[in-house]
Every structure is written in C-alpha cells, then in structure tokens.
C-alpha cells in the first residue's frame, strides 16, 4: 500500500468496496461485520483510523501492535468468524504521527458468518441477511 493509493481510497468515499472505521482506541465489533459483508460480496478495503468522511484520525502507535494481534486472533476464532479468514493487513504512516491500519478483504468462495450471522454489503452499508 502506497501513500498515494491510501489518499485515493480516503478521497473515494465509503461504498460497496471501501469502509472507514475510527477505531482509535481498539477494534469495534462492527469491523468484523464489515469483514463478513465484504467477504460475502465483492471484497473491499477497510481503513481503520479514519472517520466516516475519510478524514485521517490516526491510531495511537502504542495500540497498533495489540490491535493487529487482536484482529488476527478474532479472524481466527471460529466463535467470531466462520470460516476463519486470513487477510492482508498493513500499518501505514499516512502523515507524521498519523497511523492508519489498512485491511484488504477478498471475496470468499463460501458464505462467511460473523458471530453466526450472515452479512452482505450494499450501498447503505452492511446488512444482516441471516433470516
């Protein structure tokens, strides 16, 4: 991931394949719902450390390692994600002292569930389509 590509993603706005998550103090549960919905549709990019408008907020450097470890552990926890997922995750220094976490979620060959719920991606966001 280059700074130029990150800037392009932040300027594109959220949509079917791009989602921004603030996550300044840790990874929120709705991130996993987005991972699930991207997996069940076209795939996509999640940028953590940015607000809903794509403004970079940053993630504290002291939290980044733990956040990445927690994220990977949850992706490999069958009670959280099923099947378990292996995603591309990068820490990007977008600006001095502004760290972002970039995640690429490819489309899955099978239906992915998050906490035994099925999510799909559409224009308004992630939709629970379990029922």
N, C-alpha and C. Protein backbone atom coordinates (compact mmCIF):
# COMPACT_ATOMS: atom_id res chain seq x y z
N UNK A 1 0.85 -1.18 0.00
CA UNK A 1 0.00 0.00 0.00
C UNK A 1 0.90 1.23 0.00
N UNK A 2 0.65 2.10 -0.92
CA UNK A 2 1.41 3.35 -1.00
C UNK A 2 0.60 4.49 -0.38
N UNK A 3 1.26 5.56 -0.05
CA UNK A 3 0.57 6.74 0.47
C UNK A 3 -0.39 7.28 -0.58
N UNK A 4 0.01 7.25 -1.85
CA UNK A 4 -0.85 7.74 -2.93
C UNK A 4 -2.12 6.91 -3.04
N UNK A 5 -2.01 5.59 -2.95
CA UNK A 5 -3.19 4.72 -3.01
C UNK A 5 -4.08 4.95 -1.79
N UNK A 6 -3.48 5.11 -0.61
CA UNK A 6 -4.25 5.38 0.60
C UNK A 6 -5.01 6.69 0.45
N UNK A 7 -4.36 7.72 -0.08
CA UNK A 7 -5.02 9.01 -0.29
C UNK A 7 -6.20 8.84 -1.25
N UNK A 8 -6.01 8.07 -2.29
CA UNK A 8 -7.08 7.80 -3.26
C UNK A 8 -8.27 7.11 -2.57
N UNK A 9 -7.99 6.12 -1.74
CA UNK A 9 -9.06 5.41 -1.03
C UNK A 9 -9.79 6.33 -0.06
N UNK A 10 -9.05 7.20 0.63
CA UNK A 10 -9.67 8.12 1.58
C UNK A 10 -10.51 9.18 0.87
N UNK A 11 -10.14 9.53 -0.32
CA UNK A 11 -10.90 10.54 -1.07
C UNK A 11 -12.07 9.95 -1.84
N UNK A 12 -12.09 8.63 -2.01
CA UNK A 12 -13.15 7.96 -2.79
C UNK A 12 -14.49 7.96 -2.10
N UNK A 13 -14.49 7.96 -0.78
CA UNK A 13 -15.73 7.85 -0.04
C UNK A 13 -16.12 6.39 0.18
N UNK A 14 -16.92 6.18 1.21
CA UNK A 14 -17.38 4.82 1.50
C UNK A 14 -18.34 4.35 0.42
N UNK A 15 -18.36 3.05 0.21
CA UNK A 15 -19.24 2.47 -0.79
C UNK A 15 -19.22 0.97 -0.71
N UNK A 16 -19.49 0.32 -1.83
CA UNK A 16 -19.55 -1.14 -1.85
C UNK A 16 -18.24 -1.81 -1.48
N UNK A 17 -17.12 -1.15 -1.73
CA UNK A 17 -15.83 -1.81 -1.50
C UNK A 17 -14.87 -1.01 -0.62
N UNK A 18 -15.35 0.07 -0.01
CA UNK A 18 -14.50 0.88 0.88
C UNK A 18 -15.28 1.22 2.14
N UNK A 19 -14.65 1.03 3.29
CA UNK A 19 -15.27 1.38 4.57
C UNK A 19 -14.21 1.99 5.48
N UNK A 20 -14.58 3.07 6.15
CA UNK A 20 -13.70 3.73 7.12
C UNK A 20 -14.20 3.43 8.52
N UNK A 21 -13.28 3.19 9.44
CA UNK A 21 -13.62 2.94 10.84
C UNK A 21 -12.68 3.75 11.71
N UNK A 22 -13.23 4.48 12.67
CA UNK A 22 -12.40 5.33 13.54
C UNK A 22 -11.43 4.48 14.35
N UNK A 23 -11.91 3.55 15.11
CA UNK A 23 -11.10 2.58 15.86
C UNK A 23 -9.87 3.18 16.53
N UNK A 24 -9.98 4.34 17.09
CA UNK A 24 -8.82 4.98 17.70
C UNK A 24 -8.39 4.32 19.00
N UNK A 25 -9.30 3.64 19.67
CA UNK A 25 -8.97 3.02 20.95
C UNK A 25 -9.12 1.50 20.93
N UNK A 26 -9.20 0.93 19.77
CA UNK A 26 -9.36 -0.51 19.63
C UNK A 26 -10.29 -0.82 18.47
N UNK A 27 -10.42 -2.09 18.17
CA UNK A 27 -11.25 -2.52 17.04
C UNK A 27 -12.66 -2.82 17.55
N UNK A 28 -13.63 -2.14 16.96
CA UNK A 28 -15.02 -2.30 17.36
C UNK A 28 -15.64 -3.50 16.65
N UNK A 29 -16.70 -4.05 17.24
CA UNK A 29 -17.34 -5.24 16.70
C UNK A 29 -17.85 -5.06 15.28
N UNK A 30 -18.28 -3.84 14.92
CA UNK A 30 -18.82 -3.65 13.57
C UNK A 30 -17.76 -3.81 12.48
N UNK A 31 -16.48 -3.76 12.85
CA UNK A 31 -15.43 -4.02 11.86
C UNK A 31 -15.55 -5.45 11.34
N UNK A 32 -15.85 -6.39 12.22
CA UNK A 32 -15.96 -7.79 11.83
C UNK A 32 -17.20 -8.02 10.96
N UNK A 33 -18.27 -7.26 11.22
CA UNK A 33 -19.45 -7.34 10.36
C UNK A 33 -19.10 -6.87 8.95
N UNK A 34 -18.27 -5.83 8.85
CA UNK A 34 -17.84 -5.34 7.54
C UNK A 34 -16.94 -6.35 6.85
N UNK A 35 -16.04 -6.98 7.60
CA UNK A 35 -15.20 -8.04 7.02
C UNK A 35 -16.10 -9.13 6.44
N UNK A 36 -17.10 -9.52 7.20
CA UNK A 36 -18.04 -10.56 6.75
C UNK A 36 -18.79 -10.12 5.49
N UNK A 37 -19.31 -8.90 5.50
CA UNK A 37 -20.09 -8.43 4.34
C UNK A 37 -19.23 -8.29 3.09
N UNK A 38 -17.99 -7.78 3.24
CA UNK A 38 -17.09 -7.71 2.08
C UNK A 38 -16.77 -9.11 1.56
N UNK A 39 -16.54 -10.05 2.48
CA UNK A 39 -16.23 -11.43 2.08
C UNK A 39 -17.38 -12.05 1.30
N UNK A 40 -18.59 -11.69 1.67
CA UNK A 40 -19.77 -12.27 1.02
C UNK A 40 -20.20 -11.53 -0.24
N UNK A 41 -19.49 -10.47 -0.63
CA UNK A 41 -19.85 -9.70 -1.81
C UNK A 41 -18.65 -9.62 -2.75
N UNK A 42 -18.10 -8.46 -2.95
CA UNK A 42 -17.02 -8.24 -3.92
C UNK A 42 -15.64 -8.14 -3.30
N UNK A 43 -15.56 -8.19 -1.97
CA UNK A 43 -14.30 -7.88 -1.30
C UNK A 43 -14.24 -6.39 -1.10
N UNK A 44 -13.16 -5.92 -0.45
CA UNK A 44 -13.05 -4.48 -0.27
C UNK A 44 -11.92 -4.10 0.66
N UNK A 45 -11.86 -2.80 0.93
CA UNK A 45 -10.81 -2.21 1.76
C UNK A 45 -11.43 -1.61 3.01
N UNK A 46 -10.85 -1.91 4.16
CA UNK A 46 -11.24 -1.28 5.42
C UNK A 46 -10.05 -0.44 5.86
N UNK A 47 -10.31 0.82 6.15
CA UNK A 47 -9.27 1.71 6.65
C UNK A 47 -9.65 2.10 8.06
N UNK A 48 -8.86 1.63 9.02
CA UNK A 48 -9.08 1.97 10.42
C UNK A 48 -8.20 3.16 10.80
N UNK A 49 -8.80 4.05 11.56
CA UNK A 49 -8.11 5.28 11.93
C UNK A 49 -8.60 6.47 11.13
N UNK A 50 -9.75 6.30 10.44
CA UNK A 50 -10.35 7.38 9.64
C UNK A 50 -11.83 7.50 10.00
N UNK A 51 -12.35 8.74 9.97
CA UNK A 51 -13.77 8.92 10.27
C UNK A 51 -14.62 8.59 9.04
N UNK A 52 -15.93 8.67 9.18
CA UNK A 52 -16.85 8.27 8.10
C UNK A 52 -16.70 9.09 6.83
N UNK A 53 -16.08 10.26 6.92
CA UNK A 53 -15.86 11.09 5.74
C UNK A 53 -14.48 10.87 5.12
N UNK A 54 -13.70 9.94 5.68
CA UNK A 54 -12.38 9.67 5.14
C UNK A 54 -11.29 10.57 5.68
N UNK A 55 -11.59 11.32 6.72
CA UNK A 55 -10.58 12.16 7.34
C UNK A 55 -9.69 11.31 8.24
N UNK A 56 -8.37 11.33 8.03
CA UNK A 56 -7.49 10.51 8.86
C UNK A 56 -7.43 11.03 10.29
N UNK A 57 -7.78 10.17 11.25
CA UNK A 57 -7.73 10.50 12.67
C UNK A 57 -6.47 9.93 13.31
N UNK A 58 -6.07 8.78 12.81
CA UNK A 58 -4.89 8.11 13.34
C UNK A 58 -5.21 7.15 14.46
N UNK A 59 -4.31 6.21 14.66
CA UNK A 59 -4.35 5.23 15.74
C UNK A 59 -3.07 5.42 16.54
N UNK A 60 -3.18 5.40 17.85
CA UNK A 60 -2.01 5.56 18.70
C UNK A 60 -1.01 4.44 18.43
N UNK A 61 0.24 4.82 18.24
CA UNK A 61 1.29 3.84 17.96
C UNK A 61 1.36 2.78 19.05
N UNK A 62 1.12 3.18 20.30
CA UNK A 62 1.18 2.25 21.42
C UNK A 62 0.09 1.19 21.36
N UNK A 63 -0.98 1.43 20.60
CA UNK A 63 -2.09 0.47 20.49
C UNK A 63 -2.01 -0.40 19.24
N UNK A 64 -1.23 0.01 18.25
CA UNK A 64 -1.26 -0.64 16.94
C UNK A 64 -0.94 -2.13 17.00
N UNK A 65 0.12 -2.52 17.68
CA UNK A 65 0.50 -3.94 17.74
C UNK A 65 -0.59 -4.79 18.37
N UNK A 66 -1.15 -4.31 19.47
CA UNK A 66 -2.22 -5.05 20.14
C UNK A 66 -3.46 -5.14 19.25
N UNK A 67 -3.78 -4.06 18.57
CA UNK A 67 -4.95 -4.06 17.68
C UNK A 67 -4.78 -5.08 16.56
N UNK A 68 -3.60 -5.11 15.96
CA UNK A 68 -3.36 -6.08 14.89
C UNK A 68 -3.44 -7.51 15.42
N UNK A 69 -2.86 -7.75 16.60
CA UNK A 69 -2.90 -9.08 17.18
C UNK A 69 -4.34 -9.49 17.52
N UNK A 70 -5.10 -8.58 18.14
CA UNK A 70 -6.50 -8.86 18.46
C UNK A 70 -7.32 -9.13 17.20
N UNK A 71 -7.07 -8.34 16.16
CA UNK A 71 -7.79 -8.50 14.90
C UNK A 71 -7.54 -9.88 14.31
N UNK A 72 -6.28 -10.26 14.22
CA UNK A 72 -5.93 -11.57 13.66
C UNK A 72 -6.50 -12.69 14.53
N UNK A 73 -6.40 -12.56 15.85
CA UNK A 73 -6.96 -13.59 16.75
C UNK A 73 -8.46 -13.75 16.55
N UNK A 74 -9.18 -12.64 16.41
CA UNK A 74 -10.63 -12.73 16.18
C UNK A 74 -10.97 -13.31 14.82
N UNK A 75 -10.18 -12.99 13.81
CA UNK A 75 -10.42 -13.57 12.48
C UNK A 75 -10.22 -15.08 12.49
N UNK A 76 -9.40 -15.57 13.41
CA UNK A 76 -9.11 -17.00 13.52
C UNK A 76 -9.89 -17.68 14.64
N UNK A 77 -10.83 -16.97 15.22
CA UNK A 77 -11.67 -17.52 16.28
C UNK A 77 -12.99 -17.98 15.65
N UNK A 78 -13.24 -19.29 15.58
CA UNK A 78 -14.47 -19.77 14.93
C UNK A 78 -15.75 -19.31 15.61
N UNK A 79 -15.67 -18.85 16.86
CA UNK A 79 -16.86 -18.29 17.51
C UNK A 79 -17.14 -16.87 17.02
N UNK A 80 -16.15 -16.22 16.43
CA UNK A 80 -16.29 -14.86 15.91
C UNK A 80 -16.52 -14.89 14.40
N UNK A 81 -15.63 -15.57 13.66
CA UNK A 81 -15.71 -15.63 12.19
C UNK A 81 -15.70 -17.08 11.75
N UNK A 82 -16.58 -17.41 10.83
CA UNK A 82 -16.62 -18.77 10.31
C UNK A 82 -16.92 -18.72 8.81
N UNK A 83 -16.06 -19.29 7.98
CA UNK A 83 -14.78 -19.90 8.33
C UNK A 83 -13.78 -18.82 8.76
N UNK A 84 -12.68 -19.26 9.37
CA UNK A 84 -11.65 -18.32 9.77
C UNK A 84 -11.06 -17.69 8.51
N UNK A 85 -10.56 -16.47 8.66
CA UNK A 85 -10.08 -15.72 7.50
C UNK A 85 -8.63 -15.29 7.67
N UNK A 86 -7.92 -15.22 6.56
CA UNK A 86 -6.55 -14.73 6.52
C UNK A 86 -6.53 -13.53 5.58
N UNK A 87 -6.36 -12.35 6.14
CA UNK A 87 -6.46 -11.11 5.38
C UNK A 87 -5.13 -10.40 5.32
N UNK A 88 -5.01 -9.53 4.33
CA UNK A 88 -3.82 -8.68 4.21
C UNK A 88 -4.04 -7.45 5.08
N UNK A 89 -3.11 -7.23 6.03
CA UNK A 89 -3.20 -6.13 6.99
C UNK A 89 -1.90 -5.35 6.96
N UNK A 90 -2.00 -4.03 6.85
CA UNK A 90 -0.80 -3.20 6.85
C UNK A 90 -0.99 -1.99 7.76
N UNK A 91 0.09 -1.62 8.41
CA UNK A 91 0.15 -0.39 9.19
C UNK A 91 0.78 0.66 8.27
N UNK A 92 0.11 1.80 8.11
CA UNK A 92 0.58 2.84 7.20
C UNK A 92 0.78 4.13 7.98
N UNK A 93 1.95 4.74 7.86
CA UNK A 93 2.15 6.08 8.42
C UNK A 93 1.75 7.06 7.33
N UNK A 94 0.48 7.50 7.42
CA UNK A 94 -0.10 8.34 6.38
C UNK A 94 0.50 9.74 6.39
N UNK A 95 0.63 10.29 7.57
CA UNK A 95 1.27 11.58 7.80
C UNK A 95 2.12 11.39 9.05
N UNK A 96 3.03 12.30 9.32
CA UNK A 96 3.80 12.15 10.57
C UNK A 96 2.85 12.04 11.77
N UNK A 97 3.01 11.00 12.54
CA UNK A 97 2.20 10.75 13.74
C UNK A 97 0.74 10.41 13.43
N UNK A 98 0.42 10.03 12.20
CA UNK A 98 -0.94 9.59 11.84
C UNK A 98 -0.83 8.18 11.25
N UNK A 99 -1.05 7.19 12.13
CA UNK A 99 -1.00 5.80 11.70
C UNK A 99 -2.40 5.32 11.33
N UNK A 100 -2.49 4.62 10.22
CA UNK A 100 -3.74 4.01 9.79
C UNK A 100 -3.51 2.51 9.62
N UNK A 101 -4.57 1.74 9.78
CA UNK A 101 -4.50 0.31 9.52
C UNK A 101 -5.34 0.03 8.28
N UNK A 102 -4.70 -0.59 7.29
CA UNK A 102 -5.35 -0.91 6.02
C UNK A 102 -5.55 -2.41 5.97
N UNK A 103 -6.77 -2.83 5.61
CA UNK A 103 -7.09 -4.25 5.51
C UNK A 103 -7.72 -4.50 4.15
N UNK A 104 -7.19 -5.49 3.44
CA UNK A 104 -7.82 -5.92 2.19
C UNK A 104 -8.58 -7.21 2.48
N UNK A 105 -9.86 -7.22 2.14
CA UNK A 105 -10.73 -8.37 2.34
C UNK A 105 -11.11 -8.91 0.95
N UNK A 106 -10.61 -10.09 0.57
CA UNK A 106 -11.00 -10.64 -0.72
C UNK A 106 -12.39 -11.29 -0.65
N UNK A 107 -13.06 -11.44 -1.77
CA UNK A 107 -14.33 -12.17 -1.74
C UNK A 107 -14.05 -13.64 -1.41
N UNK A 108 -14.92 -14.23 -0.62
CA UNK A 108 -14.74 -15.63 -0.20
C UNK A 108 -15.46 -16.57 -1.16
N UNK A 109 -14.98 -17.79 -1.21
CA UNK A 109 -15.60 -18.81 -2.06
C UNK A 109 -16.81 -19.45 -1.38
N UNK A 110 -16.91 -19.28 -0.07
CA UNK A 110 -18.04 -19.82 0.69
C UNK A 110 -18.67 -18.69 1.50
N UNK A 111 -19.85 -18.94 2.03
CA UNK A 111 -20.53 -17.94 2.85
C UNK A 111 -19.77 -17.77 4.16
N UNK A 112 -19.52 -16.53 4.54
CA UNK A 112 -18.81 -16.20 5.77
C UNK A 112 -19.84 -15.69 6.78
N UNK A 113 -19.67 -16.12 8.05
CA UNK A 113 -20.55 -15.68 9.12
C UNK A 113 -19.73 -14.95 10.19
N UNK A 114 -20.36 -13.97 10.79
CA UNK A 114 -19.77 -13.24 11.92
C UNK A 114 -20.69 -13.47 13.12
N UNK A 115 -20.18 -14.12 14.14
CA UNK A 115 -20.95 -14.49 15.32
C UNK A 115 -22.26 -15.16 14.88
N UNK A 116 -22.11 -16.10 13.97
CA UNK A 116 -23.21 -16.92 13.45
C UNK A 116 -24.29 -16.13 12.71
N UNK A 117 -23.95 -14.92 12.24
CA UNK A 117 -24.86 -14.10 11.43
C UNK A 117 -24.21 -13.90 10.06
N UNK A 118 -25.02 -13.79 9.02
CA UNK A 118 -24.53 -13.56 7.67
C UNK A 118 -24.78 -12.11 7.29
N UNK A 119 -23.71 -11.42 6.87
CA UNK A 119 -23.80 -10.03 6.45
C UNK A 119 -23.45 -9.91 4.98
N UNK A 120 -24.14 -8.99 4.31
CA UNK A 120 -23.89 -8.71 2.89
C UNK A 120 -23.70 -7.20 2.76
N UNK A 121 -22.96 -6.81 1.73
CA UNK A 121 -22.65 -5.39 1.52
C UNK A 121 -23.55 -4.82 0.45
N UNK A 122 -24.13 -3.64 0.72
CA UNK A 122 -24.87 -2.89 -0.29
C UNK A 122 -24.59 -1.41 -0.05
N UNK A 123 -25.19 -0.55 -0.83
CA UNK A 123 -24.88 0.88 -0.75
C UNK A 123 -25.03 1.49 0.64
N UNK A 124 -26.10 1.20 1.38
CA UNK A 124 -26.20 1.82 2.70
C UNK A 124 -25.19 1.27 3.72
N UNK A 125 -24.59 0.11 3.44
CA UNK A 125 -23.63 -0.46 4.38
C UNK A 125 -23.79 -1.96 4.52
N UNK A 126 -23.53 -2.45 5.73
CA UNK A 126 -23.59 -3.88 6.00
C UNK A 126 -25.00 -4.25 6.41
N UNK A 127 -25.54 -5.30 5.78
CA UNK A 127 -26.90 -5.74 6.09
C UNK A 127 -26.86 -7.16 6.63
N UNK A 128 -27.55 -7.40 7.74
CA UNK A 128 -27.70 -8.75 8.29
C UNK A 128 -28.77 -9.44 7.45
N UNK A 129 -28.38 -10.47 6.73
CA UNK A 129 -29.33 -11.20 5.86
C UNK A 129 -29.55 -12.62 6.35
N UNK A 130 -29.24 -12.87 7.61
CA UNK A 130 -29.33 -14.23 8.16
C UNK A 130 -30.74 -14.79 8.01
N UNK A 131 -31.74 -14.00 8.34
CA UNK A 131 -33.12 -14.50 8.28
C UNK A 131 -33.69 -14.23 6.93
